[in-house]
């Protein structure tokens, strides 16, 4: 095993294990170690390790590192370009949640659940072993369910979430078993593998909140803590499973992937339209997240790298922007209570900084020039219009509705006459620094997108290639 492979595996181990250690320390309730400090330090360690993985991948010209048992081409540990991009992204999202969350939302048990969820998400992003994906898919649902169940008034939401996830998990486990029995990544696969692909596609639709299986998605944002909703949805575990299990089949683009992407495009436009009529901010964030996350699947059925590159770019850009919107809204909600959108609230005078953050994050989610989403939308619209005119049109429609929803919500929150005795809501330094850092990433990658887009192109090109033959021997090391 080369030095680069050893370093990569060690960094992945640190990234996965650090939050788990933080969860254990949080439950010990050590005097002088607050839950936010514990979570911040451990997630910062995960971020540093994830950036190390990314650096090695770039320095190694996109070489892949695999380790552990293999099953139909999937390895227990598989670090490629997709992993190198998603690990830092997930770490940034999780760390931002911990730094901005109100103190009353970060009791030791809540922090432990959040950190365990982060560990499971990191582990998912570092494997493509079918059995490991099934196990982690199921176990990663538990922190979200327990957190929602523990929220006052959250039991109805927890029941809806549990019902949807049980169905999705059964579909996923069955589909993966059929894929393993008759791998469609190799020539000569039969109907069993094709049926397995359909089961996996349905499972992805359920966990992604793709219509008609979308009812749990906005409900989670309304009935669970914002930290729980963001941590459960922004990493997009179902999208990762779709990339690993449905992209790269021997028949190039399986029918189930085409249907999945078309349903996702409809959901993207539908979710954005729903966002324009929401009555409160949590409903707005939930429907916007449903719309934006669905758009990630829009490029997965493409046969050219540009479409898949656009999907990966939206994965990162929309996730960071929606995390910023959710956290800024949560910060305002923690000070002013439930935020209604039914009439102008006039909150600009008492929360100008949060108003600015919400507007900038909203624009960053809409393809505003100079932001990463502008680059992402350009890639996916150009790729979609070249191959599928209707798909490109739906992307444009979804973006237009999202723009209407964001601007409407901003004017309802901050427009109108201000109350004369309204308290001024100052932004705390940790909130200001975290939200500003997220904006810096979005605008930095938008103003200088070259290296990031080139990395995405390399990832997209490798993902479009078929998997290695099934008789490749199990081993550890580096692959070109």
Protein backbone atom coordinates (compact mmCIF):
# COMPACT_ATOMS: atom_id res chain seq x y z
CA UNK A 1 0.00 0.00 0.00
CA UNK A 2 1.37 3.40 -0.95
CA UNK A 3 1.92 6.30 1.43
CA UNK A 4 -0.94 8.22 -0.18
CA UNK A 5 -3.33 5.31 0.29
CA UNK A 6 -2.31 4.87 3.93
CA UNK A 7 -2.79 8.58 4.62
CA UNK A 8 -6.18 8.58 2.91
CA UNK A 9 -7.45 5.61 4.88
CA UNK A 10 -6.20 7.13 8.15
CA UNK A 11 -7.89 10.46 7.33
CA UNK A 12 -11.17 8.71 6.51
CA UNK A 13 -10.97 6.84 9.81
CA UNK A 14 -10.46 10.11 11.73
CA UNK A 15 -13.31 11.75 9.83
CA UNK A 16 -15.71 8.93 10.71
CA UNK A 17 -14.62 8.19 14.28
CA UNK A 18 -14.06 11.72 15.64
CA UNK A 19 -17.79 12.61 15.94
CA UNK A 20 -18.48 9.24 17.56
CA UNK A 21 -15.88 10.02 20.22
CA UNK A 22 -17.45 13.44 20.69
CA UNK A 23 -20.85 11.83 21.22
CA UNK A 24 -19.41 9.61 23.96
CA UNK A 25 -17.75 12.58 25.70
CA UNK A 26 -20.96 14.60 25.44
CA UNK A 27 -22.93 11.88 27.21
CA UNK A 28 -20.36 11.82 30.03
CA UNK A 29 -21.27 15.46 30.83
CA UNK A 30 -17.71 16.41 31.78
CA UNK A 31 -17.66 19.67 33.80
CA UNK A 32 -16.19 22.55 31.81
CA UNK A 33 -16.81 20.89 28.46
CA UNK A 34 -19.99 22.29 26.97
CA UNK A 35 -21.86 20.33 24.30
CA UNK A 36 -21.16 22.98 21.64
CA UNK A 37 -17.43 22.93 22.39
CA UNK A 38 -17.28 19.13 22.19
CA UNK A 39 -19.24 18.99 18.95
CA UNK A 40 -17.31 21.88 17.42
CA UNK A 41 -13.90 20.37 18.16
CA UNK A 42 -14.78 16.89 16.91
CA UNK A 43 -16.47 18.14 13.74
CA UNK A 44 -13.54 20.49 13.09
CA UNK A 45 -11.28 17.43 13.32
CA UNK A 46 -13.53 15.64 10.82
CA UNK A 47 -13.39 18.64 8.50
CA UNK A 48 -9.59 18.76 8.69
CA UNK A 49 -9.38 15.03 7.94
CA UNK A 50 -11.86 15.37 5.07
CA UNK A 51 -9.83 18.20 3.56
CA UNK A 52 -6.79 15.94 3.83
CA UNK A 53 -8.63 13.29 1.80
CA UNK A 54 -9.51 15.91 -0.81
CA UNK A 55 -5.94 17.19 -0.99
CA UNK A 56 -4.51 13.69 -1.52
CA UNK A 57 -7.09 12.95 -4.22
CA UNK A 58 -6.20 16.14 -6.09
CA UNK A 59 -2.48 15.63 -5.65
CA UNK A 60 -2.79 12.05 -6.87
CA UNK A 61 -4.52 13.10 -10.11
CA UNK A 62 -7.79 11.48 -9.12
CA UNK A 63 -6.52 8.10 -7.97
CA UNK A 64 -8.95 5.88 -6.05
CA UNK A 65 -8.24 4.13 -2.76
CA UNK A 66 -10.07 0.94 -1.80
CA UNK A 67 -9.80 -1.34 1.21
CA UNK A 68 -11.67 -4.18 2.85
CA UNK A 69 -13.98 -6.86 1.46
CA UNK A 70 -15.50 -6.43 -1.99
CA UNK A 71 -18.92 -7.41 -3.28
CA UNK A 72 -19.92 -7.12 -6.97
CA UNK A 73 -17.41 -4.33 -7.50
CA UNK A 74 -18.13 -2.41 -4.29
CA UNK A 75 -15.55 -2.03 -1.51
CA UNK A 76 -16.08 -1.58 2.21
CA UNK A 77 -13.92 1.54 1.97
CA UNK A 78 -13.94 3.33 -1.37
CA UNK A 79 -12.45 6.79 -1.65
CA UNK A 80 -12.74 8.41 -5.05
CA UNK A 81 -13.49 11.89 -6.33
CA UNK A 82 -17.11 11.76 -5.17
CA UNK A 83 -16.00 10.93 -1.63
CA UNK A 84 -13.28 13.58 -1.74
CA UNK A 85 -15.88 16.24 -2.59
CA UNK A 86 -18.70 15.12 -0.31
CA UNK A 87 -16.77 14.50 2.92
CA UNK A 88 -15.71 18.17 3.34
CA UNK A 89 -19.17 19.32 2.24
CA UNK A 90 -20.93 17.22 4.89
CA UNK A 91 -18.41 18.30 7.53
CA UNK A 92 -19.02 21.98 6.74
CA UNK A 93 -22.79 21.53 6.99
CA UNK A 94 -22.59 19.66 10.29
CA UNK A 95 -20.11 22.13 11.79
CA UNK A 96 -22.21 25.12 10.73
CA UNK A 97 -25.28 23.60 12.39
CA UNK A 98 -23.42 23.16 15.67
CA UNK A 99 -21.96 26.66 15.67
CA UNK A 100 -25.20 28.52 14.87
CA UNK A 101 -27.73 26.41 16.79
CA UNK A 102 -29.31 28.16 19.81
CA UNK A 103 -27.83 27.04 23.11
CA UNK A 104 -31.11 25.60 24.36
CA UNK A 105 -31.14 23.21 21.38
CA UNK A 106 -27.73 21.76 22.24
CA UNK A 107 -28.22 19.68 25.34
CA UNK A 108 -25.79 16.73 25.72
CA UNK A 109 -28.26 14.14 24.41
CA UNK A 110 -29.19 16.23 21.35
CA UNK A 111 -25.51 16.80 20.56
CA UNK A 112 -24.77 13.09 20.94
CA UNK A 113 -27.55 12.24 18.46
CA UNK A 114 -26.26 14.85 16.02
CA UNK A 115 -22.69 13.55 16.23
CA UNK A 116 -23.74 9.91 15.84
CA UNK A 117 -25.71 10.93 12.76
CA UNK A 118 -22.62 12.70 11.41
CA UNK A 119 -20.51 9.57 11.94
CA UNK A 120 -23.01 7.45 10.04
CA UNK A 121 -23.21 9.96 7.20
CA UNK A 122 -19.43 10.12 6.86
CA UNK A 123 -19.32 6.32 6.83
CA UNK A 124 -21.91 6.16 4.04
CA UNK A 125 -19.94 8.62 1.91
CA UNK A 126 -16.81 6.44 2.22
CA UNK A 127 -18.24 3.13 1.01
CA UNK A 128 -19.89 1.59 -2.03
CA UNK A 129 -20.18 -1.92 -0.58
CA UNK A 130 -23.83 -2.97 -1.12
CA UNK A 131 -24.27 -4.63 2.28
CA UNK A 132 -22.63 -1.69 4.09
CA UNK A 133 -24.86 0.75 2.23
CA UNK A 134 -27.98 -1.12 3.34
CA UNK A 135 -26.88 -1.29 6.97
CA UNK A 136 -25.82 2.36 7.14
CA UNK A 137 -28.94 3.49 5.24
CA UNK A 138 -31.13 1.96 7.96
CA UNK A 139 -29.07 2.88 11.03
CA UNK A 140 -28.58 6.49 9.88
CA UNK A 141 -32.35 7.02 10.13
CA UNK A 142 -32.42 6.43 13.88
CA UNK A 143 -30.84 9.70 15.16
CA UNK A 144 -33.34 11.73 13.13
CA UNK A 145 -36.29 9.69 14.38
CA UNK A 146 -35.22 9.82 18.04
CA UNK A 147 -34.57 13.56 17.83
CA UNK A 148 -37.96 14.25 16.25
CA UNK A 149 -39.70 12.00 18.76
CA UNK A 150 -38.07 13.87 21.66
CA UNK A 151 -39.23 17.26 20.36
CA UNK A 152 -42.32 18.69 22.11
CA UNK A 153 -45.22 18.16 19.74
CA UNK A 154 -43.03 16.15 17.37
CA UNK A 155 -44.70 12.75 17.72
CA UNK A 156 -46.99 13.15 14.66
CA UNK A 157 -44.00 14.14 12.54
CA UNK A 158 -41.99 11.22 13.95
CA UNK A 159 -44.78 8.80 12.99
CA UNK A 160 -44.95 10.12 9.43
CA UNK A 161 -41.16 9.99 9.14
CA UNK A 162 -40.98 6.46 10.56
CA UNK A 163 -43.66 5.14 8.20
CA UNK A 164 -41.94 6.60 5.15
CA UNK A 165 -38.48 5.44 6.17
CA UNK A 166 -39.58 1.89 7.02
CA UNK A 167 -41.11 1.54 3.57
CA UNK A 168 -38.04 3.09 1.95
CA UNK A 169 -35.65 0.85 3.88
CA UNK A 170 -37.56 -2.30 2.93
CA UNK A 171 -37.47 -1.27 -0.72
CA UNK A 172 -33.78 -0.45 -0.52
CA UNK A 173 -32.76 -3.69 1.18
CA UNK A 174 -34.79 -5.76 -1.28
CA UNK A 175 -33.47 -3.86 -4.27
CA UNK A 176 -29.83 -4.16 -3.23
CA UNK A 177 -30.25 -7.90 -2.61
CA UNK A 178 -31.59 -8.32 -6.14
CA UNK A 179 -28.78 -6.20 -7.57
CA UNK A 180 -26.21 -8.38 -5.81
CA UNK A 181 -27.90 -11.55 -7.07
CA UNK A 182 -27.87 -10.31 -10.67
CA UNK A 183 -25.43 -7.37 -10.98
CA UNK A 184 -26.53 -5.00 -13.76
CA UNK A 185 -23.08 -3.38 -13.87
CA UNK A 186 -21.81 -6.27 -15.98
CA UNK A 187 -22.80 -7.60 -19.39
CA UNK A 188 -25.30 -10.45 -19.37
CA UNK A 189 -27.40 -9.38 -16.38
CA UNK A 190 -31.05 -10.38 -16.46
CA UNK A 191 -34.44 -9.30 -15.18
CA UNK A 192 -33.64 -9.85 -11.51
CA UNK A 193 -31.06 -7.06 -11.55
CA UNK A 194 -33.44 -4.81 -13.47
CA UNK A 195 -36.17 -5.36 -10.86
CA UNK A 196 -33.64 -4.61 -8.14
CA UNK A 197 -32.84 -1.33 -9.83
CA UNK A 198 -36.51 -0.35 -9.75
CA UNK A 199 -36.73 -1.16 -6.04
CA UNK A 200 -33.66 0.99 -5.34
CA UNK A 201 -35.10 3.83 -7.42
CA UNK A 202 -38.34 3.71 -5.41
CA UNK A 203 -36.35 3.72 -2.16
CA UNK A 204 -34.41 6.76 -3.34
CA UNK A 205 -37.68 8.51 -4.18
CA UNK A 206 -39.00 7.86 -0.67
CA UNK A 207 -35.88 9.03 1.16
CA UNK A 208 -35.41 12.02 -1.14
CA UNK A 209 -39.01 13.13 -0.77
CA UNK A 210 -39.76 12.80 -4.48
CA UNK A 211 -43.46 13.15 -5.34
CA UNK A 212 -45.70 11.33 -4.55
CA UNK A 213 -43.59 10.27 -1.52
CA UNK A 214 -42.82 13.81 -0.38
CA UNK A 215 -45.22 14.48 2.50
CA UNK A 216 -42.66 13.70 5.23
CA UNK A 217 -40.07 16.13 3.85
CA UNK A 218 -41.60 19.55 4.65
CA UNK A 219 -43.23 18.01 7.74
CA UNK A 220 -39.78 17.24 9.15
CA UNK A 221 -38.79 20.90 8.90
CA UNK A 222 -42.00 21.94 10.65
CA UNK A 223 -42.06 19.34 13.43
CA UNK A 224 -38.39 18.66 14.20
CA UNK A 225 -35.54 20.92 15.33
CA UNK A 226 -33.96 22.77 12.42
CA UNK A 227 -30.65 21.06 13.23
CA UNK A 228 -32.26 17.64 12.84
CA UNK A 229 -33.99 18.52 9.58
CA UNK A 230 -30.86 20.01 8.01
CA UNK A 231 -28.58 17.19 9.16
CA UNK A 232 -31.03 14.59 7.82
CA UNK A 233 -31.58 16.15 4.39
CA UNK A 234 -28.60 18.26 3.30
CA UNK A 235 -26.05 15.41 2.94
CA UNK A 236 -28.50 13.69 0.54
CA UNK A 237 -27.72 10.09 1.40
CA UNK A 238 -30.29 8.86 -1.13
CA UNK A 239 -28.55 10.74 -3.95
CA UNK A 240 -25.27 9.10 -2.97
CA UNK A 241 -26.91 5.66 -3.04
CA UNK A 242 -28.40 6.42 -6.46
CA UNK A 243 -25.00 7.39 -7.84
CA UNK A 244 -23.31 4.27 -6.47
CA UNK A 245 -26.02 1.78 -7.41
CA UNK A 246 -27.81 3.16 -10.48
CA UNK A 247 -25.08 5.00 -12.41
CA UNK A 248 -22.65 2.97 -14.51
CA UNK A 249 -24.88 0.04 -15.50
CA UNK A 250 -23.90 -2.06 -18.49
CA UNK A 251 -26.91 -0.74 -20.43
CA UNK A 252 -25.54 2.82 -19.90
CA UNK A 253 -28.75 4.46 -18.60
CA UNK A 254 -31.28 2.08 -17.01
CA UNK A 255 -34.97 2.87 -17.40
CA UNK A 256 -35.45 3.27 -13.65
CA UNK A 257 -32.84 6.02 -13.54
CA UNK A 258 -34.58 7.89 -16.36
CA UNK A 259 -37.93 7.67 -14.54
CA UNK A 260 -36.27 8.72 -11.28
CA UNK A 261 -34.74 11.83 -12.81
CA UNK A 262 -37.98 12.84 -14.51
CA UNK A 263 -39.93 12.44 -11.27
CA UNK A 264 -37.25 14.51 -9.55
CA UNK A 265 -37.60 17.29 -12.12
CA UNK A 266 -41.37 17.40 -11.61
CA UNK A 267 -40.83 17.43 -7.84
CA UNK A 268 -38.34 20.26 -8.17
CA UNK A 269 -40.87 22.45 -9.98
CA UNK A 270 -43.72 21.32 -7.72
CA UNK A 271 -41.76 21.96 -4.52
CA UNK A 272 -40.73 25.41 -5.71
CA UNK A 273 -44.36 26.22 -6.54
CA UNK A 274 -45.41 25.07 -3.06
CA UNK A 275 -42.78 27.35 -1.55
CA UNK A 276 -44.53 30.40 -3.00
CA UNK A 277 -47.64 29.85 -0.85
CA UNK A 278 -46.14 28.81 2.49
CA UNK A 279 -47.51 30.49 5.61
CA UNK A 280 -44.40 30.27 7.78
CA UNK A 281 -40.64 30.21 7.35
CA UNK A 282 -40.19 26.57 8.31
CA UNK A 283 -42.63 25.53 5.60
CA UNK A 284 -40.71 27.69 3.15
CA UNK A 285 -37.35 26.14 4.03
CA UNK A 286 -38.82 22.63 3.84
CA UNK A 287 -40.38 23.05 0.40
CA UNK A 288 -37.34 24.88 -0.97
CA UNK A 289 -35.12 22.07 0.31
CA UNK A 290 -37.42 19.49 -1.30
CA UNK A 291 -37.20 21.34 -4.61
CA UNK A 292 -33.46 21.97 -4.60
CA UNK A 293 -32.49 18.49 -3.43
CA UNK A 294 -34.67 16.90 -6.11
CA UNK A 295 -32.83 18.89 -8.76
CA UNK A 296 -29.65 17.01 -7.86
CA UNK A 297 -31.13 13.91 -9.48
CA UNK A 298 -31.84 15.80 -12.70
CA UNK A 299 -28.44 15.11 -14.20
CA UNK A 300 -27.97 11.49 -13.13
CA UNK A 301 -29.50 10.01 -16.28
CA UNK A 302 -27.37 12.12 -18.58
CA UNK A 303 -24.96 10.50 -21.00
CA UNK A 304 -22.58 13.46 -21.06
CA UNK A 305 -20.34 14.58 -18.22
CA UNK A 306 -21.78 18.12 -18.19
CA UNK A 307 -25.17 16.97 -16.87
CA UNK A 308 -23.69 14.88 -14.08
CA UNK A 309 -21.21 17.66 -13.32
CA UNK A 310 -24.13 20.08 -12.96
CA UNK A 311 -25.95 17.69 -10.62
CA UNK A 312 -22.87 17.41 -8.39
CA UNK A 313 -22.42 21.18 -8.39
CA UNK A 314 -26.06 21.70 -7.34
CA UNK A 315 -25.56 19.06 -4.64
CA UNK A 316 -22.94 21.27 -2.98
CA UNK A 317 -24.25 24.74 -3.84
CA UNK A 318 -27.89 24.15 -2.88
CA UNK A 319 -26.88 22.31 0.28
CA UNK A 320 -24.68 25.14 1.52
CA UNK A 321 -27.19 27.84 0.55
CA UNK A 322 -30.16 26.05 2.13
CA UNK A 323 -28.13 25.36 5.26
CA UNK A 324 -27.47 29.09 5.46
CA UNK A 325 -31.15 29.94 4.92
CA UNK A 326 -32.26 27.43 7.55
CA UNK A 327 -29.70 28.54 10.13
CA UNK A 328 -30.34 32.27 9.62
CA UNK A 329 -34.09 31.68 9.90
CA UNK A 330 -33.54 29.55 13.00
CA UNK A 331 -31.42 32.29 14.58
CA UNK A 332 -34.21 34.81 14.01
CA UNK A 333 -36.88 32.36 15.18
CA UNK A 334 -34.99 31.70 18.42
CA UNK A 335 -35.22 35.43 19.19
CA UNK A 336 -38.64 36.38 17.82
CA UNK A 337 -40.67 33.16 17.96
CA UNK A 338 -42.55 31.52 15.09
CA UNK A 339 -42.05 33.46 11.85
CA UNK A 340 -45.27 33.96 9.89
CA UNK A 341 -45.35 34.82 6.19
CA UNK A 342 -49.04 35.71 6.05
CA UNK A 343 -48.48 39.45 6.49
CA UNK A 344 -45.49 41.85 6.52
CA UNK A 345 -43.66 41.54 9.84
CA UNK A 346 -41.44 44.63 9.65
CA UNK A 347 -38.45 42.90 11.25
CA UNK A 348 -35.71 44.64 9.29
CA UNK A 349 -35.30 47.38 11.89
CA UNK A 350 -34.65 44.94 14.74
CA UNK A 351 -32.63 42.31 12.79
CA UNK A 352 -30.80 43.98 9.88
CA UNK A 353 -27.85 41.58 9.89
CA UNK A 354 -30.06 38.48 9.76
CA UNK A 355 -32.10 40.16 7.01
CA UNK A 356 -28.91 40.59 4.99
CA UNK A 357 -27.84 37.00 5.57
CA UNK A 358 -31.23 35.62 4.57
CA UNK A 359 -31.30 37.69 1.39
CA UNK A 360 -27.77 36.71 0.37
CA UNK A 361 -28.32 33.02 1.05
CA UNK A 362 -31.62 33.19 -0.80
CA UNK A 363 -29.93 34.72 -3.83
CA UNK A 364 -27.12 32.17 -3.56
CA UNK A 365 -29.69 29.38 -3.89
CA UNK A 366 -31.22 30.90 -7.04
CA UNK A 367 -28.27 31.05 -9.40
CA UNK A 368 -27.33 34.67 -8.64
CA UNK A 369 -24.25 35.71 -10.67
CA UNK A 370 -21.06 35.38 -8.68
CA UNK A 371 -22.31 32.44 -6.61
CA UNK A 372 -21.66 28.73 -6.98
CA UNK A 373 -25.31 28.09 -7.81
CA UNK A 374 -24.93 30.30 -10.91
CA UNK A 375 -22.24 27.92 -12.16
CA UNK A 376 -24.26 24.85 -11.14
CA UNK A 377 -27.46 26.03 -12.83
CA UNK A 378 -25.56 26.91 -15.99
CA UNK A 379 -24.02 23.44 -16.14
CA UNK A 380 -27.22 21.51 -15.56
CA UNK A 381 -29.43 23.72 -17.75
CA UNK A 382 -26.94 23.64 -20.62
CA UNK A 383 -26.52 19.88 -20.32
CA UNK A 384 -30.26 19.25 -20.01
CA UNK A 385 -31.28 21.54 -22.86
CA UNK A 386 -28.73 19.93 -25.15
CA UNK A 387 -30.20 16.47 -24.58
CA UNK A 388 -33.71 16.94 -23.12
CA UNK A 389 -35.52 20.20 -23.80
CA UNK A 390 -38.39 19.48 -21.40
CA UNK A 391 -35.98 18.67 -18.58
CA UNK A 392 -34.12 21.94 -19.07
CA UNK A 393 -37.41 23.82 -19.14
CA UNK A 394 -38.50 22.28 -15.82
CA UNK A 395 -35.20 23.33 -14.24
CA UNK A 396 -35.84 26.90 -15.37
CA UNK A 397 -39.43 26.79 -14.07
CA UNK A 398 -38.25 25.49 -10.69
CA UNK A 399 -35.66 28.25 -10.44
CA UNK A 400 -38.26 30.91 -11.30
CA UNK A 401 -40.72 29.68 -8.67
CA UNK A 402 -37.92 29.47 -6.10
CA UNK A 403 -37.01 33.07 -6.82
CA UNK A 404 -40.60 34.19 -6.31
CA UNK A 405 -40.78 32.25 -3.03
CA UNK A 406 -37.53 33.65 -1.64
CA UNK A 407 -38.28 37.29 -2.48
CA UNK A 408 -41.88 36.99 -1.23
CA UNK A 409 -40.71 35.51 2.06
CA UNK A 410 -38.01 38.14 2.54
CA UNK A 411 -40.42 41.04 2.05
CA UNK A 412 -43.02 39.39 4.30
CA UNK A 413 -40.44 38.96 7.06
CA UNK A 414 -38.62 42.26 6.85
CA UNK A 415 -40.96 44.58 4.96
CA UNK A 416 -43.77 46.65 6.42
CA UNK A 417 -43.85 49.05 9.37
CA UNK A 418 -41.64 48.18 12.32
CA UNK A 419 -43.02 48.02 15.83
CA UNK A 420 -41.84 50.99 17.84
CA UNK A 421 -40.97 48.93 20.92
CA UNK A 422 -39.47 45.94 19.08
CA UNK A 423 -36.18 44.70 20.61
CA UNK A 424 -33.08 44.77 18.44
CA UNK A 425 -31.80 41.26 17.68
CA UNK A 426 -28.03 41.41 17.45
CA UNK A 427 -26.14 38.62 15.73
CA UNK A 428 -23.74 36.73 17.98
CA UNK A 429 -20.09 36.52 16.86
CA UNK A 430 -20.25 32.73 16.36
CA UNK A 431 -23.36 33.17 14.19
CA UNK A 432 -21.87 36.02 12.19
CA UNK A 433 -18.58 34.21 11.55
CA UNK A 434 -20.24 30.92 10.58
CA UNK A 435 -22.80 32.43 8.23
CA UNK A 436 -20.17 34.70 6.71
CA UNK A 437 -17.90 31.69 6.14
CA UNK A 438 -20.69 29.82 4.32
CA UNK A 439 -21.26 32.86 2.12
CA UNK A 440 -17.53 33.12 1.47
CA UNK A 441 -17.48 29.54 0.20
CA UNK A 442 -20.51 30.10 -2.04
CA UNK A 443 -19.20 33.34 -3.51
CA UNK A 444 -15.58 32.20 -3.60
CA UNK A 445 -16.36 29.09 -5.64
CA UNK A 446 -18.74 31.15 -7.78
CA UNK A 447 -16.17 33.82 -8.61
CA UNK A 448 -13.35 31.31 -9.12
CA UNK A 449 -15.08 28.10 -10.22
CA UNK A 450 -12.34 26.67 -12.45
CA UNK A 451 -10.59 24.23 -10.08
CA UNK A 452 -13.86 23.06 -8.53
CA UNK A 453 -15.58 22.49 -11.88
CA UNK A 454 -12.53 20.67 -13.24
CA UNK A 455 -12.65 18.35 -10.24
CA UNK A 456 -16.36 17.74 -10.81
CA UNK A 457 -15.69 16.93 -14.46
CA UNK A 458 -13.14 14.31 -13.45
CA UNK A 459 -15.62 12.81 -10.99
CA UNK A 460 -18.44 12.81 -13.55
CA UNK A 461 -16.28 11.17 -16.20
CA UNK A 462 -15.23 8.39 -13.85
CA UNK A 463 -18.79 7.78 -12.63
CA UNK A 464 -20.11 7.44 -16.17
CA UNK A 465 -17.66 4.61 -16.83
CA UNK A 466 -18.84 1.07 -16.13
CA UNK A 467 -17.71 -0.70 -12.97
CA UNK A 468 -14.80 -3.11 -12.85
CA UNK A 469 -15.58 -6.76 -13.65
CA UNK A 470 -16.86 -8.85 -10.78
CA UNK A 471 -13.85 -11.16 -10.74
CA UNK A 472 -11.41 -8.41 -9.78
CA UNK A 473 -9.66 -9.74 -6.66
CA UNK A 474 -10.16 -8.05 -3.30
CA UNK A 475 -7.22 -5.88 -2.28
CA UNK A 476 -6.22 -2.57 -0.80
CA UNK A 477 -4.41 0.16 -2.61
CA UNK A 478 -4.64 2.85 -5.23
CA UNK A 479 -6.39 2.61 -8.57
CA UNK A 480 -6.08 4.88 -11.59
